[in-house]
Amino acid sequence: MSSFHRADPPDVFNFQAEDDRLFVRSAGRALQVLSAFHQANGPLSLSEIATMSEIDRSAVQRLVHTLMKLGYMRRSADNRGYLPGIRLLDHTLDLLRLDPVVQKATPVLLELRKNTRERVDFSLYDETRLIYALRMQSKRETFYASLVGHSVPIYCTAGGRAVLSTLPPAEARDLIMRTALHKHTSKTETDPDEIFARIGQAHSDGFAMIVDEFVLGEVAIGVAVTRRDGRPLAAIHVAGSLSEWTPETFARQISPVAIEAARAIMDGL
């Protein structure tokens, strides 16, 4: 798997800001500049930032200068391009420490990791994707699996299908049809009708399970965390190796404790 994974985010910049008198266009453009790094593999030049943010180069130059002055962007070590600045991490900390769902989930997930001895992740729901907010590694993990901020699509992940199973069927189908259905492995299901059938199974079971669909050699259980009105907020993921588990045994042993963990989080909200 690649060193990072980011599912396509909702296109929040594709609207007519002129119709919104409260919208500050300069603030939106600054965030578009920072968003240019979402798919970058290294430092970006001003021209690359302009192309990826779809803002003209002269405006990008001014925005980059401003963001550098504020510590939200920096020059690369070789002085040939630009990188995000370390002060962005202050905002990541603010989100994680102030989000009530993450606050309630943290001790529950620590206990779940202790009991399962497998990788446990917690992700926040963002329309067509989930964004990892907590990641607790198992003995097999690599660097990419330890970082928060990675995001995954909802159509082919256990947490994603668990979240979809809590939505009204028409809404769930709409989200699937709005998503580019890529094959992440040879076993990724991309047929919308089959995906919808598996979402229905997740609704009946109270959890979703995927095998080899997102990472080859991996089985994963996902359970949704919802608000009191049933709307999804987040998902718990527990993943194991197929070299150590059969899918049937994994589901039998892991799903009850994952469901219990989700209930504990929701009871505390």
Protein backbone atom coordinates (compact mmCIF):
# COMPACT_ATOMS: atom_id res chain seq x y z
CA MET A 1 0.00 0.00 0.00
CA SER A 2 1.17 3.60 -0.57
CA SER A 3 2.84 5.58 2.20
CA PHE A 4 -0.36 7.56 2.73
CA HIS A 5 -3.97 7.23 1.79
CA ARG A 6 -6.46 10.03 1.27
CA ALA A 7 -9.91 9.39 -0.09
CA ASP A 8 -11.31 12.13 -2.29
CA PRO A 9 -12.87 14.74 0.03
CA PRO A 10 -16.22 16.37 -0.67
CA ASP A 11 -15.71 19.26 -3.09
CA VAL A 12 -16.31 22.08 -0.63
CA PHE A 13 -14.83 24.71 -2.97
CA ASN A 14 -17.17 24.01 -5.88
CA PHE A 15 -19.92 26.51 -5.21
CA GLN A 16 -20.78 30.12 -5.97
CA ALA A 17 -19.40 32.01 -2.96
CA GLU A 18 -20.75 35.23 -4.49
CA ASP A 19 -24.21 34.13 -3.36
CA ASP A 20 -23.10 33.98 0.30
CA ARG A 21 -22.52 37.43 1.75
CA LEU A 22 -20.93 36.01 4.90
CA PHE A 23 -18.37 33.93 3.00
CA VAL A 24 -14.81 35.37 3.16
CA ARG A 25 -13.29 34.53 -0.21
CA SER A 26 -9.72 35.26 0.85
CA ALA A 27 -9.99 32.78 3.72
CA GLY A 28 -11.41 30.17 1.36
CA ARG A 29 -8.59 30.73 -1.13
CA ALA A 30 -5.97 30.35 1.60
CA LEU A 31 -7.47 26.96 2.48
CA GLN A 32 -7.49 26.02 -1.21
CA VAL A 33 -3.74 26.71 -1.26
CA LEU A 34 -3.19 24.43 1.74
CA SER A 35 -5.40 21.79 0.12
CA ALA A 36 -3.00 21.66 -2.85
CA PHE A 37 -0.78 19.43 -0.69
CA HIS A 38 -3.43 16.73 -0.25
CA GLN A 39 -1.99 14.56 -3.03
CA ALA A 40 1.58 15.90 -3.03
CA ASN A 41 4.54 13.56 -2.59
CA GLY A 42 6.98 16.33 -1.75
CA PRO A 43 7.49 20.10 -1.86
CA LEU A 44 5.45 22.05 -4.41
CA SER A 45 6.49 25.06 -6.49
CA LEU A 46 4.31 28.15 -6.78
CA SER A 47 3.24 27.02 -10.25
CA GLU A 48 2.30 23.56 -8.96
CA ILE A 49 0.32 25.08 -6.09
CA ALA A 50 -1.47 27.37 -8.54
CA THR A 51 -2.38 24.45 -10.79
CA MET A 52 -3.54 22.18 -7.99
CA SER A 53 -5.50 24.87 -6.15
CA GLU A 54 -6.94 26.34 -9.38
CA ILE A 55 -5.92 29.86 -8.36
CA ASP A 56 -3.83 32.17 -10.56
CA ARG A 57 -0.11 32.28 -9.79
CA SER A 58 0.05 35.91 -8.68
CA ALA A 59 -2.69 35.36 -6.10
CA VAL A 60 -0.99 32.14 -4.97
CA GLN A 61 2.27 34.00 -4.45
CA ARG A 62 0.56 36.47 -2.10
CA LEU A 63 -1.32 33.76 -0.25
CA VAL A 64 1.80 31.62 0.19
CA HIS A 65 3.71 34.65 1.50
CA THR A 66 0.95 35.34 4.03
CA LEU A 67 0.75 31.71 5.16
CA MET A 68 4.54 31.57 5.57
CA LYS A 69 4.49 34.71 7.73
CA LEU A 70 1.91 33.02 9.95
CA GLY A 71 3.81 29.72 10.14
CA TYR A 72 1.29 27.68 8.15
CA MET A 73 3.69 27.13 5.24
CA ARG A 74 7.49 26.90 4.99
CA ARG A 75 10.23 26.56 2.42
CA SER A 76 11.60 23.08 1.80
CA ALA A 77 15.12 22.27 3.05
CA ASP A 78 16.56 22.58 -0.48
CA ASN A 79 14.72 25.93 -0.93
CA ARG A 80 13.14 24.69 -4.18
CA GLY A 81 9.54 24.49 -3.05
CA TYR A 82 7.02 24.83 -0.24
CA LEU A 83 5.63 22.53 2.44
CA PRO A 84 2.87 22.85 5.06
CA GLY A 85 4.04 24.57 8.24
CA ILE A 86 4.23 23.02 11.68
CA ARG A 87 1.61 25.38 13.13
CA LEU A 88 -1.05 23.37 11.34
CA LEU A 89 -0.41 20.71 13.99
CA ASP A 90 -1.77 23.11 16.62
CA HIS A 91 -5.16 22.88 14.92
CA THR A 92 -4.97 19.09 14.70
CA LEU A 93 -4.43 18.97 18.45
CA ASP A 94 -7.35 21.34 19.01
CA LEU A 95 -9.67 19.13 17.00
CA LEU A 96 -8.63 15.93 18.75
CA ARG A 97 -8.66 17.30 22.29
CA LEU A 98 -11.92 19.25 21.96
CA ASP A 99 -14.02 16.85 19.87
CA PRO A 100 -16.46 15.21 22.35
CA VAL A 101 -16.65 11.97 20.36
CA VAL A 102 -12.87 11.55 20.34
CA GLN A 103 -12.75 12.38 24.06
CA LYS A 104 -15.26 9.64 24.87
CA ALA A 105 -13.76 7.16 22.42
CA THR A 106 -10.14 7.31 23.58
CA PRO A 107 -10.38 5.29 26.84
CA VAL A 108 -12.85 2.86 25.26
CA LEU A 109 -10.56 2.23 22.30
CA LEU A 110 -7.54 1.73 24.57
CA GLU A 111 -9.45 -1.01 26.38
CA LEU A 112 -10.61 -2.54 23.09
CA ARG A 113 -7.01 -2.64 21.83
CA LYS A 114 -5.93 -4.31 25.07
CA ASN A 115 -8.64 -6.96 24.78
CA THR A 116 -8.29 -7.75 21.07
CA ARG A 117 -4.51 -7.32 20.67
CA GLU A 118 -5.21 -6.23 17.07
CA ARG A 119 -5.11 -2.89 15.29
CA VAL A 120 -7.89 -0.60 16.46
CA ASP A 121 -8.75 2.62 14.63
CA PHE A 122 -11.35 5.31 15.16
CA SER A 123 -12.48 7.46 12.26
CA LEU A 124 -14.78 10.45 11.89
CA TYR A 125 -17.52 10.49 9.24
CA ASP A 126 -17.14 13.01 6.38
CA GLU A 127 -19.84 12.26 3.77
CA THR A 128 -18.17 9.91 1.25
CA ARG A 129 -15.16 9.09 3.43
CA LEU A 130 -13.89 8.43 6.95
CA ILE A 131 -10.93 10.31 8.45
CA TYR A 132 -8.80 8.50 11.03
CA ALA A 133 -8.63 10.36 14.36
CA LEU A 134 -7.19 7.60 16.60
CA ARG A 135 -4.87 4.78 15.53
CA MET A 136 -3.67 2.01 17.83
CA GLN A 137 -1.22 -0.31 16.18
CA SER A 138 -0.75 -4.04 16.37
CA LYS A 139 2.56 -5.83 16.07
CA ARG A 140 2.35 -5.88 12.26
CA GLU A 141 1.90 -2.21 11.53
CA THR A 142 3.92 0.09 9.32
CA PHE A 143 4.52 3.84 9.48
CA TYR A 144 1.51 4.84 7.38
CA ALA A 145 -0.86 2.95 9.69
CA SER A 146 0.17 5.03 12.71
CA LEU A 147 -0.72 8.47 11.37
CA VAL A 148 -4.00 10.25 12.03
CA GLY A 149 -5.50 12.18 9.14
CA HIS A 150 -5.47 9.33 6.65
CA SER A 151 -8.89 8.98 5.05
CA VAL A 152 -10.61 6.04 3.39
CA PRO A 153 -13.71 5.69 1.19
CA ILE A 154 -16.91 4.43 2.74
CA TYR A 155 -17.91 1.99 0.00
CA CYS A 156 -15.15 -0.60 0.47
CA THR A 157 -14.11 -0.31 4.12
CA ALA A 158 -15.63 -1.99 7.14
CA GLY A 159 -16.19 1.26 9.02
CA GLY A 160 -17.59 2.89 5.92
CA ARG A 161 -20.16 0.19 5.27
CA ALA A 162 -21.09 0.20 8.95
CA VAL A 163 -21.74 3.94 8.73
CA LEU A 164 -23.74 3.54 5.51
CA SER A 165 -25.88 0.89 7.19
CA THR A 166 -27.17 3.49 9.67
CA LEU A 167 -28.41 5.84 6.95
CA PRO A 168 -31.75 5.73 5.14
CA PRO A 169 -31.30 3.44 2.10
CA ALA A 170 -31.87 6.21 -0.45
CA GLU A 171 -29.25 8.40 1.20
CA ALA A 172 -26.76 5.54 1.41
CA ARG A 173 -27.26 4.72 -2.27
CA ASP A 174 -26.81 8.38 -3.21
CA LEU A 175 -23.47 8.51 -1.39
CA ILE A 176 -22.29 5.36 -3.17
CA MET A 177 -23.27 6.74 -6.56
CA ARG A 178 -21.47 10.03 -5.81
CA THR A 179 -18.22 8.17 -5.10
CA ALA A 180 -15.64 7.02 -7.65
CA LEU A 181 -15.63 3.25 -7.11
CA HIS A 182 -11.97 2.28 -7.51
CA LYS A 183 -10.48 -1.16 -7.00
CA HIS A 184 -7.95 -0.97 -4.16
CA THR A 185 -7.26 -4.70 -4.47
CA SER A 186 -8.35 -7.38 -6.91
CA LYS A 187 -11.17 -8.23 -4.50
CA THR A 188 -12.59 -4.75 -3.97
CA GLU A 189 -16.32 -4.79 -4.69
CA THR A 190 -17.27 -1.97 -7.07
CA ASP A 191 -20.72 -3.06 -8.20
CA PRO A 192 -23.17 -0.63 -6.54
CA ASP A 193 -25.91 -3.23 -6.14
CA GLU A 194 -23.57 -5.71 -4.46
CA ILE A 195 -22.16 -2.98 -2.21
CA PHE A 196 -25.71 -2.04 -1.24
CA ALA A 197 -26.48 -5.68 -0.46
CA ARG A 198 -23.48 -5.84 1.87
CA ILE A 199 -24.62 -2.64 3.56
CA GLY A 200 -27.97 -4.33 4.15
CA GLN A 201 -26.17 -7.27 5.74
CA ALA A 202 -24.25 -4.88 7.98
CA HIS A 203 -27.54 -3.30 9.05
CA SER A 204 -28.88 -6.73 10.03
CA ASP A 205 -25.68 -7.84 11.81
CA GLY A 206 -24.88 -4.58 13.59
CA PHE A 207 -21.38 -4.59 12.09
CA ALA A 208 -19.69 -4.77 8.69
CA MET A 209 -16.85 -7.06 7.69
CA ILE A 210 -14.52 -6.86 4.71
CA VAL A 211 -11.97 -9.44 3.59
CA ASP A 212 -9.11 -8.49 1.24
CA GLU A 213 -11.12 -5.56 -0.16
CA PHE A 214 -8.99 -2.66 1.03
CA VAL A 215 -5.75 -4.35 2.11
CA LEU A 216 -4.79 -7.79 0.83
CA GLY A 217 -4.34 -10.31 3.61
CA GLU A 218 -6.53 -8.34 6.02
CA VAL A 219 -9.92 -8.93 7.58
CA ALA A 220 -11.62 -5.98 9.26
CA ILE A 221 -14.70 -5.40 11.39
CA GLY A 222 -16.41 -2.00 11.43
CA VAL A 223 -19.06 -0.69 13.82
CA ALA A 224 -20.77 2.70 13.51
CA VAL A 225 -20.94 5.26 16.30
CA THR A 226 -24.09 7.36 15.99
CA ARG A 227 -25.84 10.29 17.61
CA ARG A 228 -28.96 9.69 19.66
CA ASP A 229 -31.06 10.31 16.56
CA GLY A 230 -29.19 7.56 14.70
CA ARG A 231 -27.12 9.80 12.42
CA PRO A 232 -23.53 8.55 12.01
CA LEU A 233 -20.65 10.34 13.70
CA ALA A 234 -17.77 7.92 13.46
CA ALA A 235 -16.71 4.29 13.15
CA ILE A 236 -14.61 1.78 15.04
CA HIS A 237 -12.36 -0.46 12.94
CA VAL A 238 -10.61 -3.60 14.17
CA ALA A 239 -8.29 -5.30 11.67
CA GLY A 240 -6.49 -8.64 11.74
CA SER A 241 -4.29 -10.73 9.50
CA LEU A 242 -5.75 -13.59 7.45
CA SER A 243 -2.60 -15.52 8.26
CA GLU A 244 -3.82 -15.65 11.87
CA TRP A 245 -7.61 -15.52 11.55
CA THR A 246 -10.37 -16.98 9.45
CA PRO A 247 -13.08 -14.43 8.66
CA GLU A 248 -15.64 -16.51 10.55
CA THR A 249 -13.54 -16.70 13.72
CA PHE A 250 -12.64 -13.03 13.51
CA ALA A 251 -16.30 -12.02 13.20
CA ARG A 252 -17.36 -14.32 16.05
CA GLN A 253 -14.69 -13.10 18.49
CA ILE A 254 -14.23 -9.46 17.52
CA SER A 255 -17.67 -8.18 16.53
CA PRO A 256 -19.25 -8.51 20.03
CA VAL A 257 -16.51 -6.51 21.75
CA ALA A 258 -16.44 -3.91 18.97
CA ILE A 259 -20.22 -3.47 19.22
CA GLU A 260 -19.92 -3.18 23.00
CA ALA A 261 -17.22 -0.52 22.59
CA ALA A 262 -19.42 1.50 20.22
CA ARG A 263 -22.30 1.36 22.68
CA ALA A 264 -20.04 2.52 25.49
CA ILE A 265 -18.99 5.55 23.44
CA MET A 266 -22.57 6.40 22.47
CA ASP A 267 -23.81 6.03 26.06
CA GLY A 268 -21.24 8.62 27.11
CA LEU A 269 -22.26 11.24 24.56
